Each structure stands twice: as structure tokens, then as C-alpha cells.
């Protein structure tokens, strides 16, 4: 399994307020980015996996909406998160 509970705790601890902070936009965006990277690697070797391609597009949309929300609420957190996760835009 690619995403263990320990890995989730690590992501939430690094980007959220604490290890159990699963609701903040920063921690959710970081988790989505990790999942997007994993699915992208999977699709490079399995080009005809259309259900995974759909899931990837949906995750990218969710992350984009959360990033837009964070940009509207706190532009400094948005800029710091974009820089830390190496996201474009």
C-alpha cells in the first residue's frame, strides 16, 4: 500500500498544525499532491488505465479548488505552500 497511516501522519504533521490536523486546507492540498504524484507515476506505466486517469483528473480539480480557496482566504499561506510543494502558478 502506497499511503500508510504513518505517511499520512507525517504529511499532516509537516503541513498542518499537528499530526491530527486533517481538515486544514494546507494539509489536504499536501495529501492530494502526494496522491497525484503517485497516480501520475502509475499512469506512466499503465497508459490505458482509464479509471485511474479519471480519478487523477478529479483529484487535480479538488486540489485546484482548495488552492483557490486558500488564495482567497490567506495569500501568504498560499504562496508559502506553492513554493514548498513546487507547484506551478
N, C-alpha and C. Protein backbone atom coordinates (compact mmCIF):
# COMPACT_ATOMS: atom_id res chain seq x y z
N UNK A 1 0.85 -1.18 0.00
CA UNK A 1 0.00 0.00 0.00
C UNK A 1 0.90 1.24 0.00
N UNK A 2 0.61 2.17 -0.86
CA UNK A 2 1.48 3.32 -1.04
C UNK A 2 1.28 4.41 0.01
N UNK A 3 0.11 4.48 0.62
CA UNK A 3 -0.18 5.53 1.59
C UNK A 3 -0.55 4.89 2.92
N UNK A 4 0.43 4.73 3.77
CA UNK A 4 0.22 4.13 5.08
C UNK A 4 -0.24 5.20 6.06
N UNK A 5 -0.84 4.78 7.16
CA UNK A 5 -1.24 5.77 8.18
C UNK A 5 -0.05 6.58 8.70
N UNK A 6 1.11 5.95 8.76
CA UNK A 6 2.29 6.68 9.22
C UNK A 6 2.67 7.79 8.24
N UNK A 7 2.56 7.50 6.95
CA UNK A 7 2.88 8.51 5.94
C UNK A 7 1.89 9.67 6.01
N UNK A 8 0.60 9.36 6.24
CA UNK A 8 -0.41 10.41 6.39
C UNK A 8 -0.08 11.29 7.59
N UNK A 9 0.28 10.65 8.72
CA UNK A 9 0.64 11.41 9.91
C UNK A 9 1.83 12.33 9.63
N UNK A 10 2.79 11.83 8.87
CA UNK A 10 3.96 12.63 8.52
C UNK A 10 3.57 13.85 7.68
N UNK A 11 2.70 13.63 6.69
CA UNK A 11 2.25 14.73 5.82
C UNK A 11 1.46 15.76 6.63
N UNK A 12 0.54 15.28 7.48
CA UNK A 12 -0.26 16.20 8.28
C UNK A 12 0.60 16.95 9.29
N UNK A 13 1.60 16.28 9.83
CA UNK A 13 2.49 16.94 10.78
C UNK A 13 3.35 18.00 10.12
N UNK A 14 3.76 17.73 8.89
CA UNK A 14 4.64 18.67 8.19
C UNK A 14 3.88 19.89 7.67
N UNK A 15 2.69 19.70 7.15
CA UNK A 15 1.97 20.81 6.51
C UNK A 15 0.81 21.35 7.33
N UNK A 16 0.28 20.56 8.26
CA UNK A 16 -0.84 21.03 9.07
C UNK A 16 -0.37 21.63 10.37
N UNK A 17 -1.31 21.87 11.26
CA UNK A 17 -0.97 22.43 12.56
C UNK A 17 -0.45 21.36 13.51
N UNK A 18 -0.91 20.11 13.34
CA UNK A 18 -0.47 19.00 14.17
C UNK A 18 -0.62 17.71 13.36
N UNK A 19 -0.26 16.57 13.96
CA UNK A 19 -0.37 15.28 13.26
C UNK A 19 -1.81 14.87 13.02
N UNK A 20 -2.73 15.39 13.83
CA UNK A 20 -4.14 15.02 13.67
C UNK A 20 -4.94 16.08 12.95
N UNK A 21 -4.29 17.11 12.43
CA UNK A 21 -4.96 18.19 11.71
C UNK A 21 -5.22 17.76 10.28
N UNK A 22 -6.36 17.10 10.06
CA UNK A 22 -6.68 16.60 8.72
C UNK A 22 -7.58 17.54 7.95
N UNK A 23 -8.07 18.59 8.59
CA UNK A 23 -9.06 19.44 7.96
C UNK A 23 -8.54 20.73 7.36
N UNK A 24 -7.33 21.13 7.71
CA UNK A 24 -6.85 22.40 7.19
C UNK A 24 -6.56 22.29 5.69
N UNK A 25 -6.77 23.35 4.96
CA UNK A 25 -6.54 23.31 3.51
C UNK A 25 -5.10 22.94 3.16
N UNK A 26 -4.14 23.42 3.96
CA UNK A 26 -2.74 23.13 3.67
C UNK A 26 -2.45 21.64 3.72
N UNK A 27 -2.97 20.97 4.76
CA UNK A 27 -2.70 19.53 4.89
C UNK A 27 -3.43 18.74 3.81
N UNK A 28 -4.64 19.15 3.47
CA UNK A 28 -5.38 18.45 2.42
C UNK A 28 -4.70 18.62 1.06
N UNK A 29 -4.21 19.81 0.76
CA UNK A 29 -3.52 20.05 -0.50
C UNK A 29 -2.24 19.22 -0.57
N UNK A 30 -1.52 19.12 0.54
CA UNK A 30 -0.30 18.31 0.57
C UNK A 30 -0.62 16.84 0.35
N UNK A 31 -1.68 16.34 0.97
CA UNK A 31 -2.07 14.94 0.78
C UNK A 31 -2.51 14.69 -0.66
N UNK A 32 -3.29 15.60 -1.22
CA UNK A 32 -3.70 15.45 -2.62
C UNK A 32 -2.49 15.46 -3.55
N UNK A 33 -1.52 16.31 -3.26
CA UNK A 33 -0.32 16.38 -4.10
C UNK A 33 0.46 15.07 -4.04
N UNK A 34 0.55 14.47 -2.87
CA UNK A 34 1.22 13.17 -2.74
C UNK A 34 0.49 12.11 -3.56
N UNK A 35 -0.84 12.09 -3.45
CA UNK A 35 -1.63 11.11 -4.20
C UNK A 35 -1.54 11.35 -5.70
N UNK A 36 -1.54 12.61 -6.12
CA UNK A 36 -1.44 12.95 -7.54
C UNK A 36 -0.11 12.48 -8.10
N UNK A 37 0.97 12.67 -7.36
CA UNK A 37 2.27 12.21 -7.81
C UNK A 37 2.31 10.70 -7.96
N UNK A 38 1.69 10.00 -7.01
CA UNK A 38 1.66 8.53 -7.09
C UNK A 38 0.85 8.06 -8.31
N UNK A 39 -0.32 8.66 -8.53
CA UNK A 39 -1.15 8.25 -9.67
C UNK A 39 -0.48 8.61 -10.99
N UNK A 40 0.24 9.71 -11.04
CA UNK A 40 0.94 10.09 -12.26
C UNK A 40 2.01 9.06 -12.60
N UNK A 41 2.75 8.61 -11.60
CA UNK A 41 3.76 7.57 -11.83
C UNK A 41 3.10 6.27 -12.30
N UNK A 42 1.95 5.93 -11.71
CA UNK A 42 1.23 4.72 -12.11
C UNK A 42 0.79 4.80 -13.57
N UNK A 43 0.30 5.97 -13.97
CA UNK A 43 -0.20 6.12 -15.33
C UNK A 43 0.91 6.15 -16.38
N UNK A 44 2.12 6.46 -15.97
CA UNK A 44 3.22 6.43 -16.93
C UNK A 44 3.49 5.01 -17.42
N UNK A 45 3.26 4.03 -16.55
CA UNK A 45 3.49 2.65 -16.96
C UNK A 45 2.20 1.92 -17.36
N UNK A 46 1.05 2.48 -17.04
CA UNK A 46 -0.24 1.86 -17.37
C UNK A 46 -1.10 2.88 -18.11
N UNK A 47 -0.80 3.10 -19.36
CA UNK A 47 -1.42 4.18 -20.12
C UNK A 47 -2.92 3.99 -20.36
N UNK A 48 -3.39 2.75 -20.37
CA UNK A 48 -4.79 2.50 -20.67
C UNK A 48 -5.66 2.32 -19.43
N UNK A 49 -5.16 2.69 -18.28
CA UNK A 49 -5.92 2.59 -17.03
C UNK A 49 -6.82 3.84 -16.92
N UNK A 50 -7.96 3.78 -17.55
CA UNK A 50 -8.82 4.95 -17.68
C UNK A 50 -9.49 5.33 -16.37
N UNK A 51 -9.79 4.38 -15.50
CA UNK A 51 -10.41 4.72 -14.23
C UNK A 51 -9.44 5.49 -13.33
N UNK A 52 -8.17 5.13 -13.38
CA UNK A 52 -7.17 5.87 -12.62
C UNK A 52 -6.96 7.25 -13.22
N UNK A 53 -7.03 7.36 -14.54
CA UNK A 53 -6.89 8.67 -15.19
C UNK A 53 -8.03 9.59 -14.77
N UNK A 54 -9.23 9.04 -14.65
CA UNK A 54 -10.37 9.83 -14.21
C UNK A 54 -10.19 10.27 -12.76
N UNK A 55 -9.73 9.35 -11.91
CA UNK A 55 -9.50 9.68 -10.50
C UNK A 55 -8.43 10.77 -10.37
N UNK A 56 -7.43 10.70 -11.21
CA UNK A 56 -6.37 11.71 -11.20
C UNK A 56 -6.93 13.08 -11.58
N UNK A 57 -7.75 13.12 -12.62
CA UNK A 57 -8.35 14.41 -13.02
C UNK A 57 -9.22 14.97 -11.92
N UNK A 58 -9.97 14.12 -11.22
CA UNK A 58 -10.82 14.58 -10.13
C UNK A 58 -9.98 15.12 -8.96
N UNK A 59 -8.88 14.45 -8.66
CA UNK A 59 -8.00 14.92 -7.58
C UNK A 59 -7.36 16.26 -7.92
N UNK A 60 -6.96 16.42 -9.16
CA UNK A 60 -6.36 17.69 -9.58
C UNK A 60 -7.39 18.81 -9.44
N UNK A 61 -8.64 18.53 -9.79
CA UNK A 61 -9.70 19.53 -9.64
C UNK A 61 -9.96 19.89 -8.19
N UNK A 62 -9.97 18.89 -7.32
CA UNK A 62 -10.17 19.15 -5.89
C UNK A 62 -9.03 20.01 -5.34
N UNK A 63 -7.80 19.66 -5.73
CA UNK A 63 -6.65 20.43 -5.25
C UNK A 63 -6.71 21.85 -5.77
N UNK A 64 -7.11 22.03 -7.03
CA UNK A 64 -7.21 23.38 -7.61
C UNK A 64 -8.24 24.21 -6.85
N UNK A 65 -9.39 23.61 -6.52
CA UNK A 65 -10.43 24.35 -5.78
C UNK A 65 -9.94 24.72 -4.38
N UNK A 66 -9.23 23.82 -3.72
CA UNK A 66 -8.70 24.14 -2.39
C UNK A 66 -7.63 25.22 -2.48
N UNK A 67 -6.80 25.18 -3.51
CA UNK A 67 -5.79 26.23 -3.68
C UNK A 67 -6.45 27.58 -3.93
N UNK A 68 -7.52 27.61 -4.72
CA UNK A 68 -8.25 28.86 -4.95
C UNK A 68 -8.85 29.39 -3.65
N UNK A 69 -9.41 28.48 -2.84
CA UNK A 69 -9.97 28.87 -1.55
C UNK A 69 -8.89 29.46 -0.65
N UNK A 70 -7.74 28.78 -0.59
CA UNK A 70 -6.65 29.26 0.26
C UNK A 70 -6.13 30.60 -0.22
N UNK A 71 -6.09 30.80 -1.54
CA UNK A 71 -5.63 32.07 -2.09
C UNK A 71 -6.56 33.21 -1.70
N UNK A 72 -7.86 32.93 -1.67
CA UNK A 72 -8.83 33.96 -1.28
C UNK A 72 -8.75 34.27 0.21
N UNK A 73 -8.50 33.26 1.03
CA UNK A 73 -8.50 33.44 2.48
C UNK A 73 -7.20 34.00 3.02
N UNK A 74 -6.06 33.43 2.58
CA UNK A 74 -4.76 33.86 3.12
C UNK A 74 -3.70 33.70 2.04
N UNK A 75 -3.38 34.80 1.38
CA UNK A 75 -2.47 34.78 0.23
C UNK A 75 -1.06 34.38 0.65
N UNK A 76 -0.64 34.71 1.86
CA UNK A 76 0.71 34.37 2.30
C UNK A 76 0.87 32.87 2.50
N UNK A 77 -0.13 32.22 3.10
CA UNK A 77 -0.08 30.76 3.26
C UNK A 77 -0.09 30.09 1.89
N UNK A 78 -0.89 30.65 0.98
CA UNK A 78 -0.96 30.11 -0.38
C UNK A 78 0.41 30.16 -1.05
N UNK A 79 1.06 31.30 -0.99
CA UNK A 79 2.37 31.45 -1.64
C UNK A 79 3.42 30.53 -1.01
N UNK A 80 3.38 30.40 0.32
CA UNK A 80 4.34 29.54 1.01
C UNK A 80 4.11 28.07 0.62
N UNK A 81 2.85 27.66 0.53
CA UNK A 81 2.54 26.27 0.19
C UNK A 81 2.91 25.96 -1.26
N UNK A 82 2.64 26.88 -2.16
CA UNK A 82 3.00 26.69 -3.57
C UNK A 82 4.51 26.52 -3.70
N UNK A 83 5.25 27.34 -2.98
CA UNK A 83 6.71 27.27 -3.05
C UNK A 83 7.23 25.97 -2.44
N UNK A 84 6.64 25.56 -1.31
CA UNK A 84 7.10 24.36 -0.62
C UNK A 84 6.78 23.09 -1.39
N UNK A 85 5.64 23.03 -2.04
CA UNK A 85 5.23 21.84 -2.78
C UNK A 85 5.72 21.85 -4.23
N UNK A 86 6.36 22.94 -4.64
CA UNK A 86 6.86 23.09 -6.02
C UNK A 86 5.73 22.96 -7.04
N UNK A 87 4.64 23.66 -6.79
CA UNK A 87 3.52 23.68 -7.73
C UNK A 87 3.64 24.91 -8.60
N UNK A 88 3.20 24.79 -9.83
CA UNK A 88 3.21 25.96 -10.71
C UNK A 88 2.07 26.87 -10.35
N UNK A 89 2.10 28.09 -10.89
CA UNK A 89 1.05 29.10 -10.77
C UNK A 89 1.19 29.99 -9.61
